[in-house]
Structure formats: structure tokens, C-alpha cells
Amino acid sequence: MQKPTIQPGRPAGTSTYESEPALAFGQAVRVARVAQGIAQDEFASRAGISRSHMGKIERGEHVPTLPVILKIAMALRISAADLMAATEHYLGIGARTDS
């Protein structure tokens, strides 16, 4: 059996790539980083991620894995939940309440 080819931007085992969530997450990261006045290369170093990978994440070219999302949130000094809420905001998903 031939091993499937992984396309750029896809974590191992991923068979699909959805650009909208990737772009929204990247925007949430970039907005938070810029608001804190942190340069991308410094931020990548703080997060323990290569600068080129961080650039791809911010441009929505790569979908980060959960460990990378947690590293990014820690480097931003915000919770992963807040980072996901910002991502949902950029996706146009409003606050929802269960009543």
C-alpha cells in the first residue's frame, strides 16, 4: 500500500484543508501579536516556532496542531479559549448562548 502524499500546510494524517478557519486563526494571532507590539520573529522565538512557520500560520497557509496553538497562546499570554474566541469572531461566528 502506497503512503498518501501530504500536501504543504497539512499536518500528518490530515486529508483536508479548510482555508477559512486557517485564515481566521492567523488573523487572530496577528492582531493579538501586533496589539502587544511584538515583532513576528521575536514572537516566533517566544513560542518556540520557526519564524517561517509562524508567518505561514499568520497568513492562513498552515493549520496549526493543538500543541502549536497552545504554544502560541502562551507566547501571547492569553488563554487558548480567548484565542479561539477571536478566531470565531473573524469567522463571523457570534456569541451563542444555550437557553
PDB file of N, CA and C in Angstrom:
ATOM      1  N   MET A   1       0.845  -1.178   0.000  1.00  0.00           N
ATOM      2  CA  MET A   1       0.000   0.000   0.000  1.00  0.00           C
ATOM      3  C   MET A   1       0.890   1.240   0.000  1.00  0.00           C
ATOM      4  N   GLN A   2       0.599   2.167  -0.890  1.00  0.00           N
ATOM      5  CA  GLN A   2       1.395   3.367  -1.018  1.00  0.00           C
ATOM      6  C   GLN A   2       0.980   4.395   0.029  1.00  0.00           C
ATOM      7  N   LYS A   3       1.979   5.024   0.651  1.00  0.00           N
ATOM      8  CA  LYS A   3       1.723   6.034   1.666  1.00  0.00           C
ATOM      9  C   LYS A   3       1.151   7.287   0.986  1.00  0.00           C
ATOM     10  N   PRO A   4       0.057   7.863   1.542  1.00  0.00           N
ATOM     11  CA  PRO A   4      -0.528   9.052   0.908  1.00  0.00           C
ATOM     12  C   PRO A   4       0.429  10.236   0.987  1.00  0.00           C
ATOM     13  N   THR A   5       0.385  11.062  -0.029  1.00  0.00           N
ATOM     14  CA  THR A   5       1.200  12.263  -0.070  1.00  0.00           C
ATOM     15  C   THR A   5       0.545  13.345   0.769  1.00  0.00           C
ATOM     16  N   ILE A   6       1.347  14.008   1.569  1.00  0.00           N
ATOM     17  CA  ILE A   6       0.840  15.102   2.387  1.00  0.00           C
ATOM     18  C   ILE A   6       1.175  16.396   1.673  1.00  0.00           C
ATOM     19  N   GLN A   7       0.174  17.227   1.473  1.00  0.00           N
ATOM     20  CA  GLN A   7       0.385  18.489   0.796  1.00  0.00           C
ATOM     21  C   GLN A   7       0.837  19.552   1.794  1.00  0.00           C
ATOM     22  N   PRO A   8       1.573  20.563   1.317  1.00  0.00           N
ATOM     23  CA  PRO A   8       2.033  21.623   2.214  1.00  0.00           C
ATOM     24  C   PRO A   8       0.873  22.239   2.981  1.00  0.00           C
ATOM     25  N   GLY A   9       1.125  22.552   4.243  1.00  0.00           N
ATOM     26  CA  GLY A   9       0.109  23.179   5.072  1.00  0.00           C
ATOM     27  C   GLY A   9      -0.777  22.214   5.810  1.00  0.00           C
ATOM     28  N   ARG A  10      -0.590  20.938   5.571  1.00  0.00           N
ATOM     29  CA  ARG A  10      -1.437  19.944   6.226  1.00  0.00           C
ATOM     30  C   ARG A  10      -0.627  19.128   7.217  1.00  0.00           C
ATOM     31  N   PRO A  11      -1.082  19.057   8.458  1.00  0.00           N
ATOM     32  CA  PRO A  11      -0.405  18.184   9.410  1.00  0.00           C
ATOM     33  C   PRO A  11      -0.541  16.720   8.971  1.00  0.00           C
ATOM     34  N   ALA A  12       0.392  15.886   9.372  1.00  0.00           N
ATOM     35  CA  ALA A  12       0.346  14.466   9.033  1.00  0.00           C
ATOM     36  C   ALA A  12      -1.003  13.883   9.438  1.00  0.00           C
ATOM     37  N   GLY A  13      -1.589  13.102   8.566  1.00  0.00           N
ATOM     38  CA  GLY A  13      -2.862  12.465   8.845  1.00  0.00           C
ATOM     39  C   GLY A  13      -4.064  13.298   8.435  1.00  0.00           C
ATOM     40  N   THR A  14      -3.839  14.532   8.025  1.00  0.00           N
ATOM     41  CA  THR A  14      -4.936  15.401   7.602  1.00  0.00           C
ATOM     42  C   THR A  14      -5.191  15.219   6.123  1.00  0.00           C
ATOM     43  N   SER A  15      -6.437  15.012   5.781  1.00  0.00           N
ATOM     44  CA  SER A  15      -6.762  14.795   4.373  1.00  0.00           C
ATOM     45  C   SER A  15      -7.435  16.003   3.740  1.00  0.00           C
ATOM     46  N   THR A  16      -7.798  16.986   4.545  1.00  0.00           N
ATOM     47  CA  THR A  16      -8.456  18.164   4.000  1.00  0.00           C
ATOM     48  C   THR A  16      -7.803  19.421   4.550  1.00  0.00           C
ATOM     49  N   TYR A  17      -7.995  20.513   3.853  1.00  0.00           N
ATOM     50  CA  TYR A  17      -7.510  21.816   4.295  1.00  0.00           C
ATOM     51  C   TYR A  17      -8.641  22.804   4.089  1.00  0.00           C
ATOM     52  N   GLU A  18      -9.033  23.460   5.144  1.00  0.00           N
ATOM     53  CA  GLU A  18     -10.089  24.461   5.055  1.00  0.00           C
ATOM     54  C   GLU A  18      -9.463  25.826   5.300  1.00  0.00           C
ATOM     55  N   SER A  19      -9.497  26.650   4.286  1.00  0.00           N
ATOM     56  CA  SER A  19      -8.799  27.931   4.364  1.00  0.00           C
ATOM     57  C   SER A  19      -9.449  28.925   5.321  1.00  0.00           C
ATOM     58  N   GLU A  20     -10.777  28.940   5.410  1.00  0.00           N
ATOM     59  CA  GLU A  20     -11.433  29.944   6.256  1.00  0.00           C
ATOM     60  C   GLU A  20     -10.988  29.886   7.716  1.00  0.00           C
ATOM     61  N   PRO A  21     -11.029  28.715   8.372  1.00  0.00           N
ATOM     62  CA  PRO A  21     -10.566  28.683   9.764  1.00  0.00           C
ATOM     63  C   PRO A  21      -9.079  29.008   9.888  1.00  0.00           C
ATOM     64  N   ALA A  22      -8.278  28.570   8.928  1.00  0.00           N
ATOM     65  CA  ALA A  22      -6.845  28.853   8.971  1.00  0.00           C
ATOM     66  C   ALA A  22      -6.599  30.353   8.857  1.00  0.00           C
ATOM     67  N   LEU A  23      -7.306  31.013   7.952  1.00  0.00           N
ATOM     68  CA  LEU A  23      -7.154  32.455   7.783  1.00  0.00           C
ATOM     69  C   LEU A  23      -7.640  33.208   9.026  1.00  0.00           C
ATOM     70  N   ALA A  24      -8.749  32.772   9.603  1.00  0.00           N
ATOM     71  CA  ALA A  24      -9.298  33.430  10.796  1.00  0.00           C
ATOM     72  C   ALA A  24      -8.360  33.266  11.987  1.00  0.00           C
ATOM     73  N   PHE A  25      -7.796  32.067  12.147  1.00  0.00           N
ATOM     74  CA  PHE A  25      -6.857  31.848  13.251  1.00  0.00           C
ATOM     75  C   PHE A  25      -5.629  32.722  13.060  1.00  0.00           C
ATOM     76  N   GLY A  26      -5.108  32.749  11.842  1.00  0.00           N
ATOM     77  CA  GLY A  26      -3.932  33.572  11.557  1.00  0.00           C
ATOM     78  C   GLY A  26      -4.192  35.034  11.842  1.00  0.00           C
ATOM     79  N   GLN A  27      -5.368  35.506  11.483  1.00  0.00           N
ATOM     80  CA  GLN A  27      -5.723  36.899  11.738  1.00  0.00           C
ATOM     81  C   GLN A  27      -5.804  37.166  13.235  1.00  0.00           C
ATOM     82  N   ALA A  28      -6.384  36.237  13.979  1.00  0.00           N
ATOM     83  CA  ALA A  28      -6.491  36.394  15.434  1.00  0.00           C
ATOM     84  C   ALA A  28      -5.105  36.471  16.070  1.00  0.00           C
ATOM     85  N   VAL A  29      -4.201  35.624  15.609  1.00  0.00           N
ATOM     86  CA  VAL A  29      -2.835  35.630  16.141  1.00  0.00           C
ATOM     87  C   VAL A  29      -2.149  36.949  15.798  1.00  0.00           C
ATOM     88  N   ARG A  30      -2.223  37.344  14.540  1.00  0.00           N
ATOM     89  CA  ARG A  30      -1.543  38.569  14.101  1.00  0.00           C
ATOM     90  C   ARG A  30      -2.067  39.796  14.851  1.00  0.00           C
ATOM     91  N   VAL A  31      -3.389  39.915  14.978  1.00  0.00           N
ATOM     92  CA  VAL A  31      -3.970  41.070  15.663  1.00  0.00           C
ATOM     93  C   VAL A  31      -3.492  41.116  17.119  1.00  0.00           C
ATOM     94  N   ALA A  32      -3.501  39.989  17.802  1.00  0.00           N
ATOM     95  CA  ALA A  32      -3.054  39.939  19.200  1.00  0.00           C
ATOM     96  C   ALA A  32      -1.566  40.269  19.309  1.00  0.00           C
ATOM     97  N   ARG A  33      -0.773  39.743  18.405  1.00  0.00           N
ATOM     98  CA  ARG A  33       0.676  39.983  18.428  1.00  0.00           C
ATOM     99  C   ARG A  33       0.980  41.461  18.187  1.00  0.00           C
ATOM    100  N   VAL A  34       0.366  42.039  17.166  1.00  0.00           N
ATOM    101  CA  VAL A  34       0.604  43.445  16.830  1.00  0.00           C
ATOM    102  C   VAL A  34       0.109  44.357  17.956  1.00  0.00           C
ATOM    103  N   ALA A  35      -1.026  44.017  18.558  1.00  0.00           N
ATOM    104  CA  ALA A  35      -1.564  44.809  19.670  1.00  0.00           C
ATOM    105  C   ALA A  35      -0.581  44.863  20.841  1.00  0.00           C
ATOM    106  N   GLN A  36       0.218  43.805  20.978  1.00  0.00           N
ATOM    107  CA  GLN A  36       1.207  43.758  22.052  1.00  0.00           C
ATOM    108  C   GLN A  36       2.553  44.341  21.614  1.00  0.00           C
ATOM    109  N   GLY A  37       2.641  44.761  20.354  1.00  0.00           N
ATOM    110  CA  GLY A  37       3.867  45.379  19.856  1.00  0.00           C
ATOM    111  C   GLY A  37       5.035  44.421  19.723  1.00  0.00           C
ATOM    112  N   ILE A  38       4.742  43.163  19.408  1.00  0.00           N
ATOM    113  CA  ILE A  38       5.786  42.144  19.300  1.00  0.00           C
ATOM    114  C   ILE A  38       6.058  41.876  17.825  1.00  0.00           C
ATOM    115  N   ALA A  39       7.327  41.933  17.432  1.00  0.00           N
ATOM    116  CA  ALA A  39       7.710  41.604  16.060  1.00  0.00           C
ATOM    117  C   ALA A  39       7.518  40.109  15.831  1.00  0.00           C
ATOM    118  N   GLN A  40       7.232  39.738  14.584  1.00  0.00           N
ATOM    119  CA  GLN A  40       6.944  38.337  14.288  1.00  0.00           C
ATOM    120  C   GLN A  40       8.110  37.415  14.626  1.00  0.00           C
ATOM    121  N   ASP A  41       9.347  37.823  14.330  1.00  0.00           N
ATOM    122  CA  ASP A  41      10.481  36.949  14.615  1.00  0.00           C
ATOM    123  C   ASP A  41      10.691  36.773  16.119  1.00  0.00           C
ATOM    124  N   GLU A  42      10.501  37.837  16.882  1.00  0.00           N
ATOM    125  CA  GLU A  42      10.604  37.735  18.338  1.00  0.00           C
ATOM    126  C   GLU A  42       9.491  36.844  18.889  1.00  0.00           C
ATOM    127  N   PHE A  43       8.288  37.030  18.363  1.00  0.00           N
ATOM    128  CA  PHE A  43       7.141  36.240  18.815  1.00  0.00           C
ATOM    129  C   PHE A  43       7.354  34.758  18.524  1.00  0.00           C
ATOM    130  N   ALA A  44       7.827  34.450  17.318  1.00  0.00           N
ATOM    131  CA  ALA A  44       8.077  33.057  16.956  1.00  0.00           C
ATOM    132  C   ALA A  44       9.083  32.438  17.911  1.00  0.00           C
ATOM    133  N   SER A  45      10.119  33.193  18.249  1.00  0.00           N
ATOM    134  CA  SER A  45      11.124  32.705  19.188  1.00  0.00           C
ATOM    135  C   SER A  45      10.512  32.432  20.554  1.00  0.00           C
ATOM    136  N   ARG A  46       9.678  33.339  21.037  1.00  0.00           N
ATOM    137  CA  ARG A  46       8.996  33.154  22.330  1.00  0.00           C
ATOM    138  C   ARG A  46       8.136  31.900  22.330  1.00  0.00           C
ATOM    139  N   ALA A  47       7.494  31.641  21.188  1.00  0.00           N
ATOM    140  CA  ALA A  47       6.587  30.491  21.089  1.00  0.00           C
ATOM    141  C   ALA A  47       7.336  29.187  20.798  1.00  0.00           C
ATOM    142  N   GLY A  48       8.608  29.287  20.435  1.00  0.00           N
ATOM    143  CA  GLY A  48       9.371  28.089  20.103  1.00  0.00           C
ATOM    144  C   GLY A  48       9.001  27.524  18.739  1.00  0.00           C
ATOM    145  N   ILE A  49       8.649  28.422  17.827  1.00  0.00           N
ATOM    146  CA  ILE A  49       8.222  28.051  16.473  1.00  0.00           C
ATOM    147  C   ILE A  49       9.116  28.806  15.497  1.00  0.00           C
ATOM    148  N   SER A  50       9.470  28.195  14.386  1.00  0.00           N
ATOM    149  CA  SER A  50      10.309  28.903  13.417  1.00  0.00           C
ATOM    150  C   SER A  50       9.558  30.109  12.858  1.00  0.00           C
ATOM    151  N   ARG A  51      10.312  31.146  12.519  1.00  0.00           N
ATOM    152  CA  ARG A  51       9.709  32.366  12.003  1.00  0.00           C
ATOM    153  C   ARG A  51       8.929  32.102  10.725  1.00  0.00           C
ATOM    154  N   SER A  52       9.475  31.242   9.854  1.00  0.00           N
ATOM    155  CA  SER A  52       8.777  30.954   8.596  1.00  0.00           C
ATOM    156  C   SER A  52       7.463  30.219   8.849  1.00  0.00           C
ATOM    157  N   HIS A  53       7.466  29.303   9.813  1.00  0.00           N
ATOM    158  CA  HIS A  53       6.220  28.589  10.143  1.00  0.00           C
ATOM    159  C   HIS A  53       5.196  29.555  10.727  1.00  0.00           C
ATOM    160  N   MET A  54       5.663  30.466  11.600  1.00  0.00           N
ATOM    161  CA  MET A  54       4.745  31.441  12.189  1.00  0.00           C
ATOM    162  C   MET A  54       4.144  32.315  11.102  1.00  0.00           C
ATOM    163  N   GLY A  55       4.947  32.713  10.126  1.00  0.00           N
ATOM    164  CA  GLY A  55       4.431  33.515   9.021  1.00  0.00           C
ATOM    165  C   GLY A  55       3.354  32.777   8.248  1.00  0.00           C
ATOM    166  N   LYS A  56       3.573  31.485   8.022  1.00  0.00           N
ATOM    167  CA  LYS A  56       2.587  30.680   7.301  1.00  0.00           C
ATOM    168  C   LYS A  56       1.302  30.537   8.113  1.00  0.00           C
ATOM    169  N   ILE A  57       1.433  30.418   9.424  1.00  0.00           N
ATOM    170  CA  ILE A  57       0.246  30.332  10.284  1.00  0.00           C
ATOM    171  C   ILE A  57      -0.524  31.649  10.209  1.00  0.00           C
ATOM    172  N   GLU A  58       0.187  32.775  10.342  1.00  0.00           N
ATOM    173  CA  GLU A  58      -0.491  34.076  10.320  1.00  0.00           C
ATOM    174  C   GLU A  58      -1.136  34.366   8.970  1.00  0.00           C
ATOM    175  N   ARG A  59      -0.563  33.844   7.898  1.00  0.00           N
ATOM    176  CA  ARG A  59      -1.157  34.051   6.569  1.00  0.00           C
ATOM    177  C   ARG A  59      -2.254  33.031   6.255  1.00  0.00           C
ATOM    178  N   GLY A  60      -2.473  32.088   7.150  1.00  0.00           N
ATOM    179  CA  GLY A  60      -3.503  31.077   6.933  1.00  0.00           C
ATOM    180  C   GLY A  60      -3.082  29.983   5.980  1.00  0.00           C
ATOM    181  N   GLU A  61      -1.788  29.839   5.773  1.00  0.00           N
ATOM    182  CA  GLU A  61      -1.273  28.808   4.868  1.00  0.00           C
ATOM    183  C   GLU A  61      -1.061  27.472   5.566  1.00  0.00           C
ATOM    184  N   HIS A  62      -0.934  27.498   6.875  1.00  0.00           N
ATOM    185  CA  HIS A  62      -0.775  26.277   7.658  1.00  0.00           C
ATOM    186  C   HIS A  62      -1.842  26.219   8.734  1.00  0.00           C
ATOM    187  N   VAL A  63      -2.330  25.035   8.989  1.00  0.00           N
ATOM    188  CA  VAL A  63      -3.273  24.801  10.074  1.00  0.00           C
ATOM    189  C   VAL A  63      -2.460  24.247  11.247  1.00  0.00           C
ATOM    190  N   PRO A  64      -2.362  25.005  12.343  1.00  0.00           N
ATOM    191  CA  PRO A  64      -1.534  24.531  13.453  1.00  0.00           C
ATOM    192  C   PRO A  64      -2.190  23.391  14.222  1.00  0.00           C
ATOM    193  N   THR A  65      -1.347  22.558  14.800  1.00  0.00           N
ATOM    194  CA  THR A  65      -1.824  21.478  15.655  1.00  0.00           C
ATOM    195  C   THR A  65      -2.136  22.044  17.041  1.00  0.00           C
ATOM    196  N   LEU A  66      -2.801  21.265  17.857  1.00  0.00           N
ATOM    197  CA  LEU A  66      -3.146  21.717  19.205  1.00  0.00           C
ATOM    198  C   LEU A  66      -1.912  22.128  20.011  1.00  0.00           C
ATOM    199  N   PRO A  67      -0.826  21.357  20.016  1.00  0.00           N
ATOM    200  CA  PRO A  67       0.347  21.809  20.773  1.00  0.00           C
ATOM    201  C   PRO A  67       0.877  23.161  20.295  1.00  0.00           C
ATOM    202  N   VAL A  68       0.824  23.417  18.993  1.00  0.00           N
ATOM    203  CA  VAL A  68       1.292  24.700  18.469  1.00  0.00           C
ATOM    204  C   VAL A  68       0.335  25.817  18.872  1.00  0.00           C
ATOM    205  N   ILE A  69      -0.956  25.552  18.852  1.00  0.00           N
ATOM    206  CA  ILE A  69      -1.940  26.547  19.300  1.00  0.00           C
ATOM    207  C   ILE A  69      -1.676  26.920  20.761  1.00  0.00           C
ATOM    208  N   LEU A  70      -1.398  25.928  21.578  1.00  0.00           N
ATOM    209  CA  LEU A  70      -1.120  26.197  22.995  1.00  0.00           C
ATOM    210  C   LEU A  70       0.164  26.996  23.168  1.00  0.00           C
ATOM    211  N   LYS A  71       1.196  26.710  22.383  1.00  0.00           N
ATOM    212  CA  LYS A  71       2.446  27.484  22.434  1.00  0.00           C
ATOM    213  C   LYS A  71       2.190  28.940  22.049  1.00  0.00           C
ATOM    214  N   ILE A  72       1.389  29.133  21.014  1.00  0.00           N
ATOM    215  CA  ILE A  72       1.071  30.484  20.552  1.00  0.00           C
ATOM    216  C   ILE A  72       0.307  31.246  21.631  1.00  0.00           C
ATOM    217  N   ALA A  73      -0.688  30.614  22.227  1.00  0.00           N
ATOM    218  CA  ALA A  73      -1.473  31.266  23.280  1.00  0.00           C
ATOM    219  C   ALA A  73      -0.580  31.634  24.467  1.00  0.00           C
ATOM    220  N   MET A  74       0.309  30.728  24.850  1.00  0.00           N
ATOM    221  CA  MET A  74       1.215  31.019  25.967  1.00  0.00           C
ATOM    222  C   MET A  74       2.136  32.190  25.631  1.00  0.00           C
ATOM    223  N   ALA A  75       2.649  32.229  24.407  1.00  0.00           N
ATOM    224  CA  ALA A  75       3.532  33.324  23.995  1.00  0.00           C
ATOM    225  C   ALA A  75       2.788  34.656  23.967  1.00  0.00           C
ATOM    226  N   LEU A  76       1.488  34.612  23.665  1.00  0.00           N
ATOM    227  CA  LEU A  76       0.658  35.822  23.670  1.00  0.00           C
ATOM    228  C   LEU A  76       0.194  36.181  25.076  1.00  0.00           C
ATOM    229  N   ARG A  77       0.385  35.254  26.002  1.00  0.00           N
ATOM    230  CA  ARG A  77      -0.071  35.412  27.382  1.00  0.00           C
ATOM    231  C   ARG A  77      -1.581  35.593  27.458  1.00  0.00           C
ATOM    232  N   ILE A  78      -2.264  34.800  26.634  1.00  0.00           N
ATOM    233  CA  ILE A  78      -3.726  34.734  26.686  1.00  0.00           C
ATOM    234  C   ILE A  78      -4.113  33.268  26.707  1.00  0.00           C
ATOM    235  N   SER A  79      -5.340  32.988  27.051  1.00  0.00           N
ATOM    236  CA  SER A  79      -5.776  31.592  27.074  1.00  0.00           C
ATOM    237  C   SER A  79      -6.057  31.123  25.647  1.00  0.00           C
ATOM    238  N   ALA A  80      -5.933  29.829  25.463  1.00  0.00           N
ATOM    239  CA  ALA A  80      -6.271  29.249  24.163  1.00  0.00           C
ATOM    240  C   ALA A  80      -7.750  29.491  23.861  1.00  0.00           C
ATOM    241  N   ALA A  81      -8.575  29.521  24.910  1.00  0.00           N
ATOM    242  CA  ALA A  81     -10.009  29.791  24.729  1.00  0.00           C
ATOM    243  C   ALA A  81     -10.229  31.198  24.172  1.00  0.00           C
ATOM    244  N   ASP A  82      -9.472  32.170  24.665  1.00  0.00           N
ATOM    245  CA  ASP A  82      -9.595  33.534  24.146  1.00  0.00           C
ATOM    246  C   ASP A  82      -9.121  33.610  22.703  1.00  0.00           C
ATOM    247  N   LEU A  83      -8.071  32.870  22.391  1.00  0.00           N
ATOM    248  CA  LEU A  83      -7.572  32.834  21.019  1.00  0.00           C
ATOM    249  C   LEU A  83      -8.610  32.197  20.088  1.00  0.00           C
ATOM    250  N   MET A  84      -9.271  31.154  20.552  1.00  0.00           N
ATOM    251  CA  MET A  84     -10.321  30.516  19.745  1.00  0.00           C
ATOM    252  C   MET A  84     -11.537  31.433  19.614  1.00  0.00           C
ATOM    253  N   ALA A  85     -11.855  32.183  20.677  1.00  0.00           N
ATOM    254  CA  ALA A  85     -12.981  33.123  20.599  1.00  0.00           C
ATOM    255  C   ALA A  85     -12.694  34.205  19.554  1.00  0.00           C
ATOM    256  N   ALA A  86     -11.448  34.677  19.508  1.00  0.00           N
ATOM    257  CA  ALA A  86     -11.075  35.666  18.495  1.00  0.00           C
ATOM    258  C   ALA A  86     -11.154  35.051  17.106  1.00  0.00           C
ATOM    259  N   THR A  87     -10.757  33.804  16.980  1.00  0.00           N
ATOM    260  CA  THR A  87     -10.845  33.106  15.700  1.00  0.00           C
ATOM    261  C   THR A  87     -12.304  33.010  15.263  1.00  0.00           C
ATOM    262  N   GLU A  88     -13.181  32.646  16.180  1.00  0.00           N
ATOM    263  CA  GLU A  88     -14.608  32.573  15.871  1.00  0.00           C
ATOM    264  C   GLU A  88     -15.142  33.941  15.452  1.00  0.00           C
ATOM    265  N   HIS A  89     -14.659  34.990  16.097  1.00  0.00           N
ATOM    266  CA  HIS A  89     -15.077  36.348  15.725  1.00  0.00           C
ATOM    267  C   HIS A  89     -14.740  36.616  14.259  1.00  0.00           C
ATOM    268  N   TYR A  90     -13.523  36.278  13.848  1.00  0.00           N
ATOM    269  CA  TYR A  90     -13.107  36.528  12.458  1.00  0.00           C
ATOM    270  C   TYR A  90     -13.804  35.591  11.477  1.00  0.00           C
ATOM    271  N   LEU A  91     -14.340  34.488  11.964  1.00  0.00           N
ATOM    272  CA  LEU A  91     -15.131  33.599  11.130  1.00  0.00           C
ATOM    273  C   LEU A  91     -16.576  34.090  11.025  1.00  0.00           C
ATOM    274  N   GLY A  92     -16.923  35.088  11.841  1.00  0.00           N
ATOM    275  CA  GLY A  92     -18.282  35.594  11.823  1.00  0.00           C
ATOM    276  C   GLY A  92     -19.239  34.786  12.664  1.00  0.00           C
ATOM    277  N   ILE A  93     -18.668  34.021  13.585  1.00  0.00           N
ATOM    278  CA  ILE A  93     -19.498  33.229  14.487  1.00  0.00           C
ATOM    279  C   ILE A  93     -19.757  34.076  15.719  1.00  0.00           C
ATOM    280  N   GLY A  94     -20.974  34.516  15.918  1.00  0.00           N
ATOM    281  CA  GLY A  94     -21.318  35.378  17.028  1.00  0.00           C
ATOM    282  C   GLY A  94     -21.381  34.612  18.331  1.00  0.00           C
ATOM    283  N   ALA A  95     -21.473  35.360  19.393  1.00  0.00           N
ATOM    284  CA  ALA A  95     -21.615  34.745  20.723  1.00  0.00           C
ATOM    285  C   ALA A  95     -22.932  33.981  20.751  1.00  0.00           C
ATOM    286  N   ARG A  96     -22.848  32.777  21.198  1.00  0.00           N
ATOM    287  CA  ARG A  96     -24.055  31.929  21.270  1.00  0.00           C
ATOM    288  C   ARG A  96     -24.330  31.571  22.712  1.00  0.00           C
ATOM    289  N   THR A  97     -25.578  31.536  23.038  1.00  0.00           N
ATOM    290  CA  THR A  97     -25.979  31.116  24.374  1.00  0.00           C
ATOM    291  C   THR A  97     -26.992  30.005  24.251  1.00  0.00           C
ATOM    292  N   ASP A  98     -26.903  29.057  25.138  1.00  0.00           N
ATOM    293  CA  ASP A  98     -27.869  27.955  25.176  1.00  0.00           C
ATOM    294  C   ASP A  98     -28.946  28.327  26.183  1.00  0.00           C
ATOM    295  N   SER A  99     -30.179  28.466  25.731  1.00  0.00           N
ATOM    296  CA  SER A  99     -31.269  28.834  26.638  1.00  0.00           C
ATOM    297  C   SER A  99     -32.283  27.747  26.699  1.00  0.00           C
TER     298      SER A  99
END
